[in-house]
Amino acid sequence: MNENQVLPWDHPRFRTWIAVARACQLMQLTLTRNLAHLDLKPPHLDILANLYKREGISQQELARKLLVGRSNMSMLLPQLEKRGLVERRGDGRDRRVLRLYLTKEGKNLTEKALKIQTALIDQVMAGSDEERCIQTSEQMERIVAMLLEEDEADMVSAASR
């Protein structure tokens, strides 16, 4: 590196981004530990929480919402089905589509897990007032939207080659 070049870790945005990434990673590790007694991992909770909020979503819609591939869904959903937490039902209008639903046991477990997750979030965010939380959320949502736009543009560009 030449002596006039600014090192990335000296840049405030870089430092901020690394802090966000580290916080995210540590939050996942802590959540994993806190969910262990329920025999649940964060990717499973992501699925269960989304089905709790939007029951009847298709497998494809869920994969898109969670930003994961269909192969990931194909590995995780059977695990949840085997435990009796999730069931797939055919769509009344389109036989090719399977809709996802929580079972009663799935709803109960999701509620327990969401309480754990919410308590953890409350604990780590306790030092931030509501206004700061909203600002952080809005900034992260802008970043997500920008990255999704770039990803979609890359897919369109790749498809046209």
C-alpha atoms as a PDB file:
ATOM      1  CA  MET A   1       0.000   0.000   0.000  1.00  0.00           C
ATOM      2  CA  ASN A   2       1.280   3.434  -0.723  1.00  0.00           C
ATOM      3  CA  GLU A   3       1.624   5.862   2.155  1.00  0.00           C
ATOM      4  CA  ASN A   4      -1.086   8.211   0.811  1.00  0.00           C
ATOM      5  CA  GLN A   5      -3.694   5.485   0.709  1.00  0.00           C
ATOM      6  CA  VAL A   6      -6.184   5.495   3.572  1.00  0.00           C
ATOM      7  CA  LEU A   7      -6.516   2.106   5.239  1.00  0.00           C
ATOM      8  CA  PRO A   8     -10.101   0.819   5.343  1.00  0.00           C
ATOM      9  CA  TRP A   9     -10.218   0.464   9.142  1.00  0.00           C
ATOM     10  CA  ASP A  10      -9.394   4.179   9.465  1.00  0.00           C
ATOM     11  CA  HIS A  11     -12.586   5.026   7.582  1.00  0.00           C
ATOM     12  CA  PRO A  12     -15.624   5.629   9.882  1.00  0.00           C
ATOM     13  CA  ARG A  13     -18.063   3.867   7.529  1.00  0.00           C
ATOM     14  CA  PHE A  14     -15.836   0.792   7.382  1.00  0.00           C
ATOM     15  CA  ARG A  15     -15.542   0.706  11.185  1.00  0.00           C
ATOM     16  CA  THR A  16     -19.317   1.102  11.480  1.00  0.00           C
ATOM     17  CA  TRP A  17     -19.944  -1.701   9.016  1.00  0.00           C
ATOM     18  CA  ILE A  18     -17.560  -4.048  10.837  1.00  0.00           C
ATOM     19  CA  ALA A  19     -19.265  -3.201  14.141  1.00  0.00           C
ATOM     20  CA  VAL A  20     -22.690  -4.017  12.646  1.00  0.00           C
ATOM     21  CA  ALA A  21     -21.386  -7.296  11.215  1.00  0.00           C
ATOM     22  CA  ARG A  22     -19.783  -8.296  14.519  1.00  0.00           C
ATOM     23  CA  ALA A  23     -22.922  -7.405  16.472  1.00  0.00           C
ATOM     24  CA  CYS A  24     -25.000  -9.483  14.048  1.00  0.00           C
ATOM     25  CA  GLN A  25     -22.680 -12.450  14.325  1.00  0.00           C
ATOM     26  CA  LEU A  26     -22.538 -12.292  18.125  1.00  0.00           C
ATOM     27  CA  MET A  27     -26.304 -11.915  18.305  1.00  0.00           C
ATOM     28  CA  GLN A  28     -26.705 -15.080  16.211  1.00  0.00           C
ATOM     29  CA  LEU A  29     -24.306 -16.978  18.487  1.00  0.00           C
ATOM     30  CA  THR A  30     -26.117 -15.780  21.621  1.00  0.00           C
ATOM     31  CA  LEU A  31     -29.520 -16.564  20.139  1.00  0.00           C
ATOM     32  CA  THR A  32     -28.274 -20.035  19.185  1.00  0.00           C
ATOM     33  CA  ARG A  33     -27.234 -20.662  22.805  1.00  0.00           C
ATOM     34  CA  ASN A  34     -30.499 -19.275  24.180  1.00  0.00           C
ATOM     35  CA  LEU A  35     -32.627 -21.422  21.838  1.00  0.00           C
ATOM     36  CA  ALA A  36     -30.643 -24.643  22.389  1.00  0.00           C
ATOM     37  CA  HIS A  37     -32.976 -25.965  25.103  1.00  0.00           C
ATOM     38  CA  LEU A  38     -35.824 -25.763  22.560  1.00  0.00           C
ATOM     39  CA  ASP A  39     -33.726 -27.732  20.039  1.00  0.00           C
ATOM     40  CA  LEU A  40     -34.108 -24.805  17.651  1.00  0.00           C
ATOM     41  CA  LYS A  41     -31.555 -22.896  15.610  1.00  0.00           C
ATOM     42  CA  PRO A  42     -31.909 -19.324  14.261  1.00  0.00           C
ATOM     43  CA  PRO A  43     -32.596 -20.452  10.656  1.00  0.00           C
ATOM     44  CA  HIS A  44     -35.467 -22.606  11.956  1.00  0.00           C
ATOM     45  CA  LEU A  45     -36.781 -19.682  14.000  1.00  0.00           C
ATOM     46  CA  ASP A  46     -36.624 -17.469  10.908  1.00  0.00           C
ATOM     47  CA  ILE A  47     -38.925 -19.889   9.112  1.00  0.00           C
ATOM     48  CA  LEU A  48     -41.269 -20.385  12.065  1.00  0.00           C
ATOM     49  CA  ALA A  49     -41.530 -16.658  12.794  1.00  0.00           C
ATOM     50  CA  ASN A  50     -42.335 -15.880   9.168  1.00  0.00           C
ATOM     51  CA  LEU A  51     -45.012 -18.569   9.079  1.00  0.00           C
ATOM     52  CA  TYR A  52     -46.404 -17.270  12.363  1.00  0.00           C
ATOM     53  CA  LYS A  53     -46.722 -13.839  10.780  1.00  0.00           C
ATOM     54  CA  ARG A  54     -47.821 -14.981   7.291  1.00  0.00           C
ATOM     55  CA  GLU A  55     -49.342 -18.426   7.435  1.00  0.00           C
ATOM     56  CA  GLY A  56     -50.030 -19.963   4.064  1.00  0.00           C
ATOM     57  CA  ILE A  57     -47.014 -18.416   2.349  1.00  0.00           C
ATOM     58  CA  SER A  58     -45.540 -20.540  -0.429  1.00  0.00           C
ATOM     59  CA  GLN A  59     -42.147 -22.178  -0.083  1.00  0.00           C
ATOM     60  CA  GLN A  60     -40.820 -19.980  -2.887  1.00  0.00           C
ATOM     61  CA  GLU A  61     -42.125 -16.767  -1.283  1.00  0.00           C
ATOM     62  CA  LEU A  62     -40.592 -17.764   2.035  1.00  0.00           C
ATOM     63  CA  ALA A  63     -37.204 -18.483   0.448  1.00  0.00           C
ATOM     64  CA  ARG A  64     -37.290 -15.092  -1.269  1.00  0.00           C
ATOM     65  CA  LYS A  65     -38.266 -13.326   1.962  1.00  0.00           C
ATOM     66  CA  LEU A  66     -35.461 -15.008   3.910  1.00  0.00           C
ATOM     67  CA  LEU A  67     -32.950 -14.411   1.087  1.00  0.00           C
ATOM     68  CA  VAL A  68     -32.084 -18.101   0.844  1.00  0.00           C
ATOM     69  CA  GLY A  69     -32.104 -20.542  -2.022  1.00  0.00           C
ATOM     70  CA  ARG A  70     -34.721 -23.190  -2.579  1.00  0.00           C
ATOM     71  CA  SER A  71     -32.112 -25.834  -1.728  1.00  0.00           C
ATOM     72  CA  ASN A  72     -31.738 -24.311   1.744  1.00  0.00           C
ATOM     73  CA  MET A  73     -35.498 -24.401   2.200  1.00  0.00           C
ATOM     74  CA  SER A  74     -35.537 -27.990   0.954  1.00  0.00           C
ATOM     75  CA  MET A  75     -33.138 -28.951   3.745  1.00  0.00           C
ATOM     76  CA  LEU A  76     -34.756 -26.980   6.589  1.00  0.00           C
ATOM     77  CA  LEU A  77     -38.463 -27.580   5.984  1.00  0.00           C
ATOM     78  CA  PRO A  78     -38.334 -31.406   6.219  1.00  0.00           C
ATOM     79  CA  GLN A  79     -36.600 -31.066   9.596  1.00  0.00           C
ATOM     80  CA  LEU A  80     -39.448 -28.886  10.864  1.00  0.00           C
ATOM     81  CA  GLU A  81     -42.062 -31.187   9.320  1.00  0.00           C
ATOM     82  CA  LYS A  82     -40.479 -34.255  10.919  1.00  0.00           C
ATOM     83  CA  ARG A  83     -40.761 -32.558  14.310  1.00  0.00           C
ATOM     84  CA  GLY A  84     -44.435 -31.856  13.657  1.00  0.00           C
ATOM     85  CA  LEU A  85     -43.978 -28.073  13.639  1.00  0.00           C
ATOM     86  CA  VAL A  86     -44.784 -27.276  10.008  1.00  0.00           C
ATOM     87  CA  GLU A  87     -47.019 -28.792   7.388  1.00  0.00           C
ATOM     88  CA  ARG A  88     -47.252 -28.245   3.647  1.00  0.00           C
ATOM     89  CA  ARG A  89     -50.637 -28.124   1.986  1.00  0.00           C
ATOM     90  CA  GLY A  90     -51.535 -27.871  -1.655  1.00  0.00           C
ATOM     91  CA  ASP A  91     -52.799 -24.597  -3.034  1.00  0.00           C
ATOM     92  CA  GLY A  92     -56.466 -24.766  -4.003  1.00  0.00           C
ATOM     93  CA  ARG A  93     -55.894 -22.797  -7.219  1.00  0.00           C
ATOM     94  CA  ASP A  94     -52.459 -23.997  -8.353  1.00  0.00           C
ATOM     95  CA  ARG A  95     -51.552 -27.648  -7.785  1.00  0.00           C
ATOM     96  CA  ARG A  96     -47.849 -26.896  -8.337  1.00  0.00           C
ATOM     97  CA  VAL A  97     -47.736 -24.602  -5.272  1.00  0.00           C
ATOM     98  CA  LEU A  98     -47.360 -25.826  -1.709  1.00  0.00           C
ATOM     99  CA  ARG A  99     -48.468 -23.547   1.123  1.00  0.00           C
ATOM    100  CA  LEU A 100     -46.769 -23.656   4.515  1.00  0.00           C
ATOM    101  CA  TYR A 101     -48.573 -23.696   7.858  1.00  0.00           C
ATOM    102  CA  LEU A 102     -47.586 -24.024  11.487  1.00  0.00           C
ATOM    103  CA  THR A 103     -49.086 -26.864  13.475  1.00  0.00           C
ATOM    104  CA  LYS A 104     -50.422 -26.172  16.970  1.00  0.00           C
ATOM    105  CA  GLU A 105     -47.116 -27.438  18.386  1.00  0.00           C
ATOM    106  CA  GLY A 106     -45.277 -25.207  15.890  1.00  0.00           C
ATOM    107  CA  LYS A 107     -47.222 -22.143  17.051  1.00  0.00           C
ATOM    108  CA  ASN A 108     -46.502 -22.914  20.708  1.00  0.00           C
ATOM    109  CA  LEU A 109     -42.788 -23.411  20.099  1.00  0.00           C
ATOM    110  CA  THR A 110     -42.604 -20.272  17.941  1.00  0.00           C
ATOM    111  CA  GLU A 111     -44.205 -18.194  20.692  1.00  0.00           C
ATOM    112  CA  LYS A 112     -41.654 -19.493  23.228  1.00  0.00           C
ATOM    113  CA  ALA A 113     -38.756 -18.846  20.873  1.00  0.00           C
ATOM    114  CA  LEU A 114     -40.003 -15.358  19.948  1.00  0.00           C
ATOM    115  CA  LYS A 115     -40.163 -14.464  23.659  1.00  0.00           C
ATOM    116  CA  ILE A 116     -36.515 -15.516  23.991  1.00  0.00           C
ATOM    117  CA  GLN A 117     -35.501 -13.562  20.902  1.00  0.00           C
ATOM    118  CA  THR A 118     -37.465 -10.474  21.947  1.00  0.00           C
ATOM    119  CA  ALA A 119     -35.965 -10.530  25.451  1.00  0.00           C
ATOM    120  CA  LEU A 120     -32.489 -10.763  23.963  1.00  0.00           C
ATOM    121  CA  ILE A 121     -33.184  -7.860  21.604  1.00  0.00           C
ATOM    122  CA  ASP A 122     -34.595  -5.796  24.492  1.00  0.00           C
ATOM    123  CA  GLN A 123     -31.493  -6.568  26.539  1.00  0.00           C
ATOM    124  CA  VAL A 124     -28.975  -5.536  23.872  1.00  0.00           C
ATOM    125  CA  MET A 125     -30.975  -2.504  22.726  1.00  0.00           C
ATOM    126  CA  ALA A 126     -31.744  -1.230  26.249  1.00  0.00           C
ATOM    127  CA  GLY A 127     -29.212   1.594  25.897  1.00  0.00           C
ATOM    128  CA  SER A 128     -30.900   2.980  22.780  1.00  0.00           C
ATOM    129  CA  ASP A 129     -33.996   5.138  22.925  1.00  0.00           C
ATOM    130  CA  GLU A 130     -36.858   4.539  20.503  1.00  0.00           C
ATOM    131  CA  GLU A 131     -35.800   7.343  18.146  1.00  0.00           C
ATOM    132  CA  ARG A 132     -32.286   5.928  17.767  1.00  0.00           C
ATOM    133  CA  CYS A 133     -33.704   2.439  17.182  1.00  0.00           C
ATOM    134  CA  ILE A 134     -35.961   3.782  14.428  1.00  0.00           C
ATOM    135  CA  GLN A 135     -33.055   5.641  12.804  1.00  0.00           C
ATOM    136  CA  THR A 136     -30.895   2.517  12.854  1.00  0.00           C
ATOM    137  CA  SER A 137     -33.733   0.435  11.424  1.00  0.00           C
ATOM    138  CA  GLU A 138     -34.369   2.934   8.642  1.00  0.00           C
ATOM    139  CA  GLN A 139     -30.670   3.012   7.728  1.00  0.00           C
ATOM    140  CA  MET A 140     -30.425  -0.789   7.633  1.00  0.00           C
ATOM    141  CA  GLU A 141     -33.628  -0.987   5.550  1.00  0.00           C
ATOM    142  CA  ARG A 142     -32.138   1.498   3.038  1.00  0.00           C
ATOM    143  CA  ILE A 143     -29.008  -0.646   2.800  1.00  0.00           C
ATOM    144  CA  VAL A 144     -31.065  -3.807   2.281  1.00  0.00           C
ATOM    145  CA  ALA A 145     -33.157  -2.129  -0.429  1.00  0.00           C
ATOM    146  CA  MET A 146     -30.062  -0.863  -2.226  1.00  0.00           C
ATOM    147  CA  LEU A 147     -28.347  -4.257  -2.119  1.00  0.00           C
ATOM    148  CA  LEU A 148     -31.491  -6.042  -3.299  1.00  0.00           C
ATOM    149  CA  GLU A 149     -31.796  -3.608  -6.214  1.00  0.00           C
ATOM    150  CA  GLU A 150     -28.174  -4.262  -7.177  1.00  0.00           C
ATOM    151  CA  ASP A 151     -28.712  -8.015  -6.857  1.00  0.00           C
ATOM    152  CA  GLU A 152     -31.789  -7.893  -9.094  1.00  0.00           C
ATOM    153  CA  ALA A 153     -29.934  -5.737 -11.650  1.00  0.00           C
ATOM    154  CA  ASP A 154     -27.055  -8.248 -11.655  1.00  0.00           C
ATOM    155  CA  MET A 155     -29.494 -11.128 -12.225  1.00  0.00           C
ATOM    156  CA  VAL A 156     -31.176  -9.305 -15.124  1.00  0.00           C
ATOM    157  CA  SER A 157     -27.784  -8.468 -16.613  1.00  0.00           C
ATOM    158  CA  ALA A 158     -26.607 -12.071 -16.265  1.00  0.00           C
ATOM    159  CA  ALA A 159     -29.809 -13.384 -17.842  1.00  0.00           C
ATOM    160  CA  SER A 160     -29.425 -11.123 -20.872  1.00  0.00           C
ATOM    161  CA  ARG A 161     -25.890 -12.350 -21.646  1.00  0.00           C
END
